[in-house]
């Protein structure tokens, strides 16, 4: 979905430094692509039958006020560097995963912190990031590491997925970056060069200004090697795989799980 005012970028806001990084990355991305930011905090305390009201005589106390403070802080972070960026927000009663899945129906991108053992509660940890990547109706970015890297767009090659190549080219064009291709460890040098040539030719037809500059063969499927193969990238773009008979959910193959857990850069999960 692409809105008339530009892509709608939804950010899951929770109480942890990783959430702040997700907000910063989303703002940078929105500025690059002409998008708008929508901040969402999933408020679980009402479902747990917890008293959310302020404590008598203590201004600003209570879980509901704390939730509003999280949204205000996220907005402040955006305004510091992007004062004119359109920002909306909402606090929704419910668990983070189903809340954000529902909101993703009206979003062009869902942005999450890489892990989130929050100071108030745990909203998004590794398993929840994978759950959202599997169930979201739009692409998902899991923000890890630096959000302002100057390197290329890292593209993890997939034999079948096609939309992931177009997405990487779109991002490279918007960010004014090259693309660095990463292929699976069982790929031979000749096969890697053939894949590089094929991807470069395809991208040149629709994005003539985008350069696919190099290809790296991951030394193994281990997390360490997958990360090292693209450690200079500003963003990793990977394909989420739909599982037949699973209602259109995206699978979490070992390679994707490893990238999400150990990447030093934001990871964009494209739904083909």
C-alpha atoms as a PDB file:
ATOM      1  CA  UNK A   1       0.000   0.000   0.000  1.00  0.00           C
ATOM      2  CA  UNK A   2       1.261   3.493  -0.862  1.00  0.00           C
ATOM      3  CA  UNK A   3      -0.643   6.466   0.504  1.00  0.00           C
ATOM      4  CA  UNK A   4      -1.188   9.683  -1.427  1.00  0.00           C
ATOM      5  CA  UNK A   5       0.892  11.567   1.138  1.00  0.00           C
ATOM      6  CA  UNK A   6       3.773   9.123   0.846  1.00  0.00           C
ATOM      7  CA  UNK A   7       4.511   5.800   2.565  1.00  0.00           C
ATOM      8  CA  UNK A   8       2.975   5.374   6.008  1.00  0.00           C
ATOM      9  CA  UNK A   9       5.726   4.132   8.328  1.00  0.00           C
ATOM     10  CA  UNK A  10       4.400   2.624  11.552  1.00  0.00           C
ATOM     11  CA  UNK A  11       6.773   2.339  14.513  1.00  0.00           C
ATOM     12  CA  UNK A  12       6.125   0.095  17.497  1.00  0.00           C
ATOM     13  CA  UNK A  13       7.037   2.197  20.541  1.00  0.00           C
ATOM     14  CA  UNK A  14       8.014   0.584  23.833  1.00  0.00           C
ATOM     15  CA  UNK A  15      10.132   1.463  26.846  1.00  0.00           C
ATOM     16  CA  UNK A  16      13.699   0.619  25.846  1.00  0.00           C
ATOM     17  CA  UNK A  17      16.688   2.146  24.075  1.00  0.00           C
ATOM     18  CA  UNK A  18      16.054  -0.167  21.100  1.00  0.00           C
ATOM     19  CA  UNK A  19      12.714   1.519  20.582  1.00  0.00           C
ATOM     20  CA  UNK A  20      14.416   4.923  20.447  1.00  0.00           C
ATOM     21  CA  UNK A  21      16.763   3.581  17.768  1.00  0.00           C
ATOM     22  CA  UNK A  22      13.808   2.291  15.776  1.00  0.00           C
ATOM     23  CA  UNK A  23      12.214   5.746  15.944  1.00  0.00           C
ATOM     24  CA  UNK A  24      15.443   7.394  14.759  1.00  0.00           C
ATOM     25  CA  UNK A  25      15.812   4.986  11.843  1.00  0.00           C
ATOM     26  CA  UNK A  26      12.156   5.405  10.845  1.00  0.00           C
ATOM     27  CA  UNK A  27      12.566   9.181  10.807  1.00  0.00           C
ATOM     28  CA  UNK A  28      15.665   8.955   8.608  1.00  0.00           C
ATOM     29  CA  UNK A  29      13.871   6.593   6.250  1.00  0.00           C
ATOM     30  CA  UNK A  30      10.724   8.740   6.103  1.00  0.00           C
ATOM     31  CA  UNK A  31      12.825  11.787   5.257  1.00  0.00           C
ATOM     32  CA  UNK A  32      14.567   9.850   2.455  1.00  0.00           C
ATOM     33  CA  UNK A  33      11.376   8.490   0.858  1.00  0.00           C
ATOM     34  CA  UNK A  34       8.940  11.319   1.615  1.00  0.00           C
ATOM     35  CA  UNK A  35       6.944   9.280   4.104  1.00  0.00           C
ATOM     36  CA  UNK A  36       4.954   9.931   7.259  1.00  0.00           C
ATOM     37  CA  UNK A  37       5.464   8.445  10.731  1.00  0.00           C
ATOM     38  CA  UNK A  38       2.763   6.775  12.816  1.00  0.00           C
ATOM     39  CA  UNK A  39       3.807   5.911  16.389  1.00  0.00           C
ATOM     40  CA  UNK A  40       1.961   3.064  18.108  1.00  0.00           C
ATOM     41  CA  UNK A  41       2.206   1.873  21.704  1.00  0.00           C
ATOM     42  CA  UNK A  42       0.388  -1.349  22.614  1.00  0.00           C
ATOM     43  CA  UNK A  43      -0.999  -0.931  26.116  1.00  0.00           C
ATOM     44  CA  UNK A  44      -1.370  -4.310  27.834  1.00  0.00           C
ATOM     45  CA  UNK A  45      -2.099  -3.274  31.411  1.00  0.00           C
ATOM     46  CA  UNK A  46      -5.878  -3.035  30.998  1.00  0.00           C
ATOM     47  CA  UNK A  47      -5.939  -6.641  29.742  1.00  0.00           C
ATOM     48  CA  UNK A  48      -4.032  -7.734  32.859  1.00  0.00           C
ATOM     49  CA  UNK A  49      -6.562  -6.031  35.148  1.00  0.00           C
ATOM     50  CA  UNK A  50      -3.881  -3.704  36.524  1.00  0.00           C
ATOM     51  CA  UNK A  51      -4.779  -0.351  38.051  1.00  0.00           C
ATOM     52  CA  UNK A  52      -3.595   2.190  35.477  1.00  0.00           C
ATOM     53  CA  UNK A  53      -4.844   5.335  37.237  1.00  0.00           C
ATOM     54  CA  UNK A  54      -2.515   7.993  38.650  1.00  0.00           C
ATOM     55  CA  UNK A  55      -1.484   7.718  42.289  1.00  0.00           C
ATOM     56  CA  UNK A  56      -3.261  10.317  44.365  1.00  0.00           C
ATOM     57  CA  UNK A  57      -1.050  13.345  44.921  1.00  0.00           C
ATOM     58  CA  UNK A  58       1.587  12.272  42.381  1.00  0.00           C
ATOM     59  CA  UNK A  59       1.282  14.242  39.162  1.00  0.00           C
ATOM     60  CA  UNK A  60       2.135  12.276  36.030  1.00  0.00           C
ATOM     61  CA  UNK A  61       2.008   8.902  37.790  1.00  0.00           C
ATOM     62  CA  UNK A  62       0.134   5.818  36.570  1.00  0.00           C
ATOM     63  CA  UNK A  63       0.718   3.460  33.648  1.00  0.00           C
ATOM     64  CA  UNK A  64      -1.536   5.374  31.252  1.00  0.00           C
ATOM     65  CA  UNK A  65       0.450   8.573  31.832  1.00  0.00           C
ATOM     66  CA  UNK A  66       3.669   6.594  31.358  1.00  0.00           C
ATOM     67  CA  UNK A  67       2.376   5.357  27.999  1.00  0.00           C
ATOM     68  CA  UNK A  68       1.646   8.923  26.889  1.00  0.00           C
ATOM     69  CA  UNK A  69       5.151   9.909  28.008  1.00  0.00           C
ATOM     70  CA  UNK A  70       6.641   7.216  25.751  1.00  0.00           C
ATOM     71  CA  UNK A  71       4.817   8.634  22.740  1.00  0.00           C
ATOM     72  CA  UNK A  72       5.836  12.195  23.628  1.00  0.00           C
ATOM     73  CA  UNK A  73       9.481  11.146  23.947  1.00  0.00           C
ATOM     74  CA  UNK A  74       9.399   9.346  20.599  1.00  0.00           C
ATOM     75  CA  UNK A  75       7.897  12.441  18.984  1.00  0.00           C
ATOM     76  CA  UNK A  76      10.598  14.606  20.563  1.00  0.00           C
ATOM     77  CA  UNK A  77      13.330  12.347  19.124  1.00  0.00           C
ATOM     78  CA  UNK A  78      11.867  12.781  15.649  1.00  0.00           C
ATOM     79  CA  UNK A  79      11.437  16.535  15.976  1.00  0.00           C
ATOM     80  CA  UNK A  80      15.074  17.039  17.002  1.00  0.00           C
ATOM     81  CA  UNK A  81      16.359  16.152  13.534  1.00  0.00           C
ATOM     82  CA  UNK A  82      13.213  16.319  11.393  1.00  0.00           C
ATOM     83  CA  UNK A  83      10.992  19.159  12.655  1.00  0.00           C
ATOM     84  CA  UNK A  84       8.757  19.156   9.562  1.00  0.00           C
ATOM     85  CA  UNK A  85       8.186  15.399   9.301  1.00  0.00           C
ATOM     86  CA  UNK A  86       4.462  14.497   9.594  1.00  0.00           C
ATOM     87  CA  UNK A  87       3.921  12.461  12.786  1.00  0.00           C
ATOM     88  CA  UNK A  88       0.757  10.863  14.176  1.00  0.00           C
ATOM     89  CA  UNK A  89       0.384   8.533  17.155  1.00  0.00           C
ATOM     90  CA  UNK A  90      -1.992   6.299  19.079  1.00  0.00           C
ATOM     91  CA  UNK A  91      -2.077   4.125  22.190  1.00  0.00           C
ATOM     92  CA  UNK A  92      -3.991   0.890  21.621  1.00  0.00           C
ATOM     93  CA  UNK A  93      -5.200  -1.512  24.297  1.00  0.00           C
ATOM     94  CA  UNK A  94      -3.885  -4.986  23.573  1.00  0.00           C
ATOM     95  CA  UNK A  95      -0.831  -7.189  23.157  1.00  0.00           C
ATOM     96  CA  UNK A  96       1.859  -5.831  20.855  1.00  0.00           C
ATOM     97  CA  UNK A  97       1.828  -8.558  18.194  1.00  0.00           C
ATOM     98  CA  UNK A  98      -1.898  -8.617  17.306  1.00  0.00           C
ATOM     99  CA  UNK A  99      -2.149  -4.832  17.652  1.00  0.00           C
ATOM    100  CA  UNK A 100       0.712  -4.180  15.244  1.00  0.00           C
ATOM    101  CA  UNK A 101      -0.396  -6.905  12.828  1.00  0.00           C
ATOM    102  CA  UNK A 102      -3.805  -5.244  12.555  1.00  0.00           C
ATOM    103  CA  UNK A 103      -2.282  -1.787  12.085  1.00  0.00           C
ATOM    104  CA  UNK A 104       0.080  -3.162   9.415  1.00  0.00           C
ATOM    105  CA  UNK A 105      -2.962  -3.564   7.141  1.00  0.00           C
ATOM    106  CA  UNK A 106      -2.975   0.226   6.742  1.00  0.00           C
ATOM    107  CA  UNK A 107       0.818   0.657   6.752  1.00  0.00           C
ATOM    108  CA  UNK A 108       3.478   0.574   4.068  1.00  0.00           C
ATOM    109  CA  UNK A 109       6.223  -0.380   6.518  1.00  0.00           C
ATOM    110  CA  UNK A 110       6.382  -1.625  10.109  1.00  0.00           C
ATOM    111  CA  UNK A 111       9.486  -0.685  12.126  1.00  0.00           C
ATOM    112  CA  UNK A 112      10.506  -2.484  15.331  1.00  0.00           C
ATOM    113  CA  UNK A 113      13.328  -2.339  17.837  1.00  0.00           C
ATOM    114  CA  UNK A 114      15.698  -5.297  17.581  1.00  0.00           C
ATOM    115  CA  UNK A 115      15.006  -6.516  21.085  1.00  0.00           C
ATOM    116  CA  UNK A 116      13.130  -4.987  23.946  1.00  0.00           C
ATOM    117  CA  UNK A 117      13.489  -5.972  27.537  1.00  0.00           C
ATOM    118  CA  UNK A 118      11.834  -2.709  28.489  1.00  0.00           C
ATOM    119  CA  UNK A 119      12.135  -0.713  31.670  1.00  0.00           C
ATOM    120  CA  UNK A 120       8.360  -1.032  32.123  1.00  0.00           C
ATOM    121  CA  UNK A 121       7.623  -4.319  30.312  1.00  0.00           C
ATOM    122  CA  UNK A 122       8.722  -6.704  27.593  1.00  0.00           C
ATOM    123  CA  UNK A 123       6.885  -5.879  24.374  1.00  0.00           C
ATOM    124  CA  UNK A 124       9.157  -6.971  21.574  1.00  0.00           C
ATOM    125  CA  UNK A 125      11.908  -9.563  21.906  1.00  0.00           C
ATOM    126  CA  UNK A 126      13.474 -11.738  19.252  1.00  0.00           C
ATOM    127  CA  UNK A 127      10.549 -14.136  19.032  1.00  0.00           C
ATOM    128  CA  UNK A 128       8.039 -11.292  18.763  1.00  0.00           C
ATOM    129  CA  UNK A 129      10.041  -9.641  15.985  1.00  0.00           C
ATOM    130  CA  UNK A 130       9.904 -12.922  14.077  1.00  0.00           C
ATOM    131  CA  UNK A 131       6.197 -13.294  14.826  1.00  0.00           C
ATOM    132  CA  UNK A 132       5.500  -9.838  13.443  1.00  0.00           C
ATOM    133  CA  UNK A 133       7.672 -10.488  10.402  1.00  0.00           C
ATOM    134  CA  UNK A 134       5.632 -13.642   9.785  1.00  0.00           C
ATOM    135  CA  UNK A 135       2.179 -12.108  10.226  1.00  0.00           C
ATOM    136  CA  UNK A 136       2.544  -8.510   9.087  1.00  0.00           C
ATOM    137  CA  UNK A 137       0.669  -7.342   5.981  1.00  0.00           C
ATOM    138  CA  UNK A 138       3.567  -5.070   4.969  1.00  0.00           C
ATOM    139  CA  UNK A 139       7.375  -5.223   4.997  1.00  0.00           C
ATOM    140  CA  UNK A 140       9.032  -5.173   8.416  1.00  0.00           C
ATOM    141  CA  UNK A 141      12.292  -3.526   9.472  1.00  0.00           C
ATOM    142  CA  UNK A 142      14.003  -4.787  12.611  1.00  0.00           C
ATOM    143  CA  UNK A 143      16.397  -2.064  13.760  1.00  0.00           C
ATOM    144  CA  UNK A 144      19.723  -3.207  15.132  1.00  0.00           C
ATOM    145  CA  UNK A 145      23.121  -1.532  15.418  1.00  0.00           C
ATOM    146  CA  UNK A 146      23.794   1.830  13.804  1.00  0.00           C
ATOM    147  CA  UNK A 147      20.948   3.657  12.125  1.00  0.00           C
ATOM    148  CA  UNK A 148      23.075   6.139  10.151  1.00  0.00           C
ATOM    149  CA  UNK A 149      25.639   3.925   8.437  1.00  0.00           C
ATOM    150  CA  UNK A 150      27.195   5.228   5.227  1.00  0.00           C
ATOM    151  CA  UNK A 151      27.644   1.838   3.539  1.00  0.00           C
ATOM    152  CA  UNK A 152      25.721   0.210   0.679  1.00  0.00           C
ATOM    153  CA  UNK A 153      22.375  -1.566   0.711  1.00  0.00           C
ATOM    154  CA  UNK A 154      23.101  -5.221   1.489  1.00  0.00           C
ATOM    155  CA  UNK A 155      20.922  -7.622  -0.527  1.00  0.00           C
ATOM    156  CA  UNK A 156      20.771 -11.279   0.534  1.00  0.00           C
ATOM    157  CA  UNK A 157      20.118 -13.173  -2.687  1.00  0.00           C
ATOM    158  CA  UNK A 158      17.111 -15.463  -2.879  1.00  0.00           C
ATOM    159  CA  UNK A 159      16.616 -17.941  -5.722  1.00  0.00           C
ATOM    160  CA  UNK A 160      12.859 -17.408  -6.050  1.00  0.00           C
ATOM    161  CA  UNK A 161      11.848 -14.113  -4.447  1.00  0.00           C
ATOM    162  CA  UNK A 162      11.702 -11.262  -6.939  1.00  0.00           C
ATOM    163  CA  UNK A 163      10.205  -8.345  -5.047  1.00  0.00           C
ATOM    164  CA  UNK A 164      13.214  -8.219  -2.720  1.00  0.00           C
ATOM    165  CA  UNK A 165      15.450  -7.166  -5.656  1.00  0.00           C
ATOM    166  CA  UNK A 166      13.101  -4.355  -6.650  1.00  0.00           C
ATOM    167  CA  UNK A 167      12.894  -3.214  -3.035  1.00  0.00           C
ATOM    168  CA  UNK A 168      16.674  -3.129  -2.665  1.00  0.00           C
ATOM    169  CA  UNK A 169      16.913  -1.065  -5.850  1.00  0.00           C
ATOM    170  CA  UNK A 170      14.233   1.354  -4.616  1.00  0.00           C
ATOM    171  CA  UNK A 171      16.104   1.814  -1.336  1.00  0.00           C
ATOM    172  CA  UNK A 172      19.463   2.238  -3.043  1.00  0.00           C
ATOM    173  CA  UNK A 173      17.942   4.916  -5.281  1.00  0.00           C
ATOM    174  CA  UNK A 174      16.307   6.751  -2.370  1.00  0.00           C
ATOM    175  CA  UNK A 175      19.432   6.568  -0.189  1.00  0.00           C
ATOM    176  CA  UNK A 176      21.800   7.242  -3.099  1.00  0.00           C
ATOM    177  CA  UNK A 177      23.787   4.083  -2.286  1.00  0.00           C
ATOM    178  CA  UNK A 178      25.191   1.111  -4.187  1.00  0.00           C
ATOM    179  CA  UNK A 179      24.027  -2.466  -3.648  1.00  0.00           C
ATOM    180  CA  UNK A 180      26.260  -5.162  -2.179  1.00  0.00           C
ATOM    181  CA  UNK A 181      24.992  -8.659  -3.009  1.00  0.00           C
ATOM    182  CA  UNK A 182      25.405 -11.551  -0.558  1.00  0.00           C
ATOM    183  CA  UNK A 183      24.944 -15.134  -1.780  1.00  0.00           C
ATOM    184  CA  UNK A 184      24.688 -18.451   0.049  1.00  0.00           C
ATOM    185  CA  UNK A 185      27.848 -20.295   1.119  1.00  0.00           C
ATOM    186  CA  UNK A 186      27.362 -23.227  -1.275  1.00  0.00           C
ATOM    187  CA  UNK A 187      27.579 -20.839  -4.264  1.00  0.00           C
ATOM    188  CA  UNK A 188      30.679 -21.207  -6.462  1.00  0.00           C
ATOM    189  CA  UNK A 189      32.679 -18.177  -7.600  1.00  0.00           C
ATOM    190  CA  UNK A 190      31.398 -18.587 -11.155  1.00  0.00           C
ATOM    191  CA  UNK A 191      27.806 -18.899  -9.968  1.00  0.00           C
ATOM    192  CA  UNK A 192      28.247 -15.821  -7.784  1.00  0.00           C
ATOM    193  CA  UNK A 193      29.418 -13.770 -10.761  1.00  0.00           C
ATOM    194  CA  UNK A 194      26.505 -15.023 -12.851  1.00  0.00           C
ATOM    195  CA  UNK A 195      24.060 -14.049 -10.095  1.00  0.00           C
ATOM    196  CA  UNK A 196      25.733 -10.639  -9.816  1.00  0.00           C
ATOM    197  CA  UNK A 197      25.433 -10.067 -13.567  1.00  0.00           C
ATOM    198  CA  UNK A 198      21.791 -11.154 -13.608  1.00  0.00           C
ATOM    199  CA  UNK A 199      20.776  -8.961 -10.671  1.00  0.00           C
ATOM    200  CA  UNK A 200      22.701  -5.990 -12.066  1.00  0.00           C
ATOM    201  CA  UNK A 201      21.070  -6.362 -15.486  1.00  0.00           C
ATOM    202  CA  UNK A 202      17.598  -6.592 -14.008  1.00  0.00           C
ATOM    203  CA  UNK A 203      18.086  -3.538 -11.808  1.00  0.00           C
ATOM    204  CA  UNK A 204      19.563  -1.505 -14.679  1.00  0.00           C
ATOM    205  CA  UNK A 205      16.290  -1.845 -16.618  1.00  0.00           C
ATOM    206  CA  UNK A 206      14.227  -0.088 -13.932  1.00  0.00           C
ATOM    207  CA  UNK A 207      16.830   1.771 -11.867  1.00  0.00           C
ATOM    208  CA  UNK A 208      19.581   2.844 -14.291  1.00  0.00           C
ATOM    209  CA  UNK A 209      21.298   4.983 -11.657  1.00  0.00           C
ATOM    210  CA  UNK A 210      21.739   2.120  -9.171  1.00  0.00           C
ATOM    211  CA  UNK A 211      25.035   0.210  -9.221  1.00  0.00           C
ATOM    212  CA  UNK A 212      25.395  -3.364  -7.952  1.00  0.00           C
ATOM    213  CA  UNK A 213      29.005  -3.030  -6.978  1.00  0.00           C
ATOM    214  CA  UNK A 214      30.066  -6.401  -5.621  1.00  0.00           C
ATOM    215  CA  UNK A 215      29.068  -9.891  -4.515  1.00  0.00           C
ATOM    216  CA  UNK A 216      30.216 -11.740  -1.402  1.00  0.00           C
ATOM    217  CA  UNK A 217      29.882 -15.461  -0.802  1.00  0.00           C
ATOM    218  CA  UNK A 218      29.030 -16.034   2.842  1.00  0.00           C
ATOM    219  CA  UNK A 219      31.679 -18.313   4.318  1.00  0.00           C
ATOM    220  CA  UNK A 220      28.974 -20.385   6.014  1.00  0.00           C
ATOM    221  CA  UNK A 221      25.397 -20.212   7.264  1.00  0.00           C
ATOM    222  CA  UNK A 222      26.678 -19.389  10.738  1.00  0.00           C
ATOM    223  CA  UNK A 223      25.465 -16.084  12.216  1.00  0.00           C
ATOM    224  CA  UNK A 224      29.017 -14.750  12.457  1.00  0.00           C
ATOM    225  CA  UNK A 225      29.757 -15.313   8.782  1.00  0.00           C
ATOM    226  CA  UNK A 226      26.417 -13.943   7.599  1.00  0.00           C
ATOM    227  CA  UNK A 227      27.035 -10.768   9.553  1.00  0.00           C
ATOM    228  CA  UNK A 228      30.651 -10.416   8.421  1.00  0.00           C
ATOM    229  CA  UNK A 229      29.607 -10.804   4.782  1.00  0.00           C
ATOM    230  CA  UNK A 230      27.654  -7.559   4.984  1.00  0.00           C
ATOM    231  CA  UNK A 231      29.154  -5.718   7.945  1.00  0.00           C
ATOM    232  CA  UNK A 232      29.675  -2.500   5.955  1.00  0.00           C
ATOM    233  CA  UNK A 233      26.034  -2.272   4.828  1.00  0.00           C
ATOM    234  CA  UNK A 234      23.731   0.490   6.074  1.00  0.00           C
ATOM    235  CA  UNK A 235      20.716  -1.819   5.701  1.00  0.00           C
ATOM    236  CA  UNK A 236      20.245  -5.515   4.970  1.00  0.00           C
ATOM    237  CA  UNK A 237      17.355  -6.518   2.687  1.00  0.00           C
ATOM    238  CA  UNK A 238      16.164 -10.116   2.951  1.00  0.00           C
ATOM    239  CA  UNK A 239      13.193 -12.078   1.635  1.00  0.00           C
ATOM    240  CA  UNK A 240      10.562 -13.477   3.931  1.00  0.00           C
ATOM    241  CA  UNK A 241       9.295 -16.804   2.600  1.00  0.00           C
ATOM    242  CA  UNK A 242       5.580 -17.562   2.541  1.00  0.00           C
ATOM    243  CA  UNK A 243       4.761 -21.045   3.728  1.00  0.00           C
ATOM    244  CA  UNK A 244       2.171 -22.975   1.615  1.00  0.00           C
ATOM    245  CA  UNK A 245      -0.912 -23.823   3.636  1.00  0.00           C
ATOM    246  CA  UNK A 246       0.012 -21.402   6.421  1.00  0.00           C
ATOM    247  CA  UNK A 247      -2.480 -18.704   5.531  1.00  0.00           C
ATOM    248  CA  UNK A 248       0.107 -16.567   3.744  1.00  0.00           C
ATOM    249  CA  UNK A 249       2.384 -16.308   6.763  1.00  0.00           C
ATOM    250  CA  UNK A 250       6.074 -15.721   6.147  1.00  0.00           C
ATOM    251  CA  UNK A 251       8.416 -18.455   7.280  1.00  0.00           C
ATOM    252  CA  UNK A 252      11.540 -17.774   9.317  1.00  0.00           C
ATOM    253  CA  UNK A 253      14.261 -19.814   7.615  1.00  0.00           C
ATOM    254  CA  UNK A 254      17.498 -20.333   9.533  1.00  0.00           C
ATOM    255  CA  UNK A 255      19.322 -17.703   7.498  1.00  0.00           C
ATOM    256  CA  UNK A 256      16.710 -15.031   8.261  1.00  0.00           C
ATOM    257  CA  UNK A 257      16.633 -15.938  11.951  1.00  0.00           C
ATOM    258  CA  UNK A 258      20.420 -15.667  12.137  1.00  0.00           C
ATOM    259  CA  UNK A 259      20.504 -12.324  10.354  1.00  0.00           C
ATOM    260  CA  UNK A 260      17.853 -10.927  12.699  1.00  0.00           C
ATOM    261  CA  UNK A 261      19.622 -12.107  15.821  1.00  0.00           C
ATOM    262  CA  UNK A 262      23.157 -11.106  14.980  1.00  0.00           C
ATOM    263  CA  UNK A 263      23.081  -8.311  12.391  1.00  0.00           C
ATOM    264  CA  UNK A 264      24.865  -5.074  13.218  1.00  0.00           C
ATOM    265  CA  UNK A 265      22.596  -3.097  10.938  1.00  0.00           C
ATOM    266  CA  UNK A 266      18.828  -2.693  10.406  1.00  0.00           C
ATOM    267  CA  UNK A 267      17.233  -5.636   8.566  1.00  0.00           C
ATOM    268  CA  UNK A 268      14.430  -5.096   6.037  1.00  0.00           C
ATOM    269  CA  UNK A 269      12.218  -8.190   5.617  1.00  0.00           C
ATOM    270  CA  UNK A 270      10.390  -8.021   2.306  1.00  0.00           C
ATOM    271  CA  UNK A 271       7.187  -9.956   1.716  1.00  0.00           C
ATOM    272  CA  UNK A 272       7.194 -11.286  -1.832  1.00  0.00           C
END
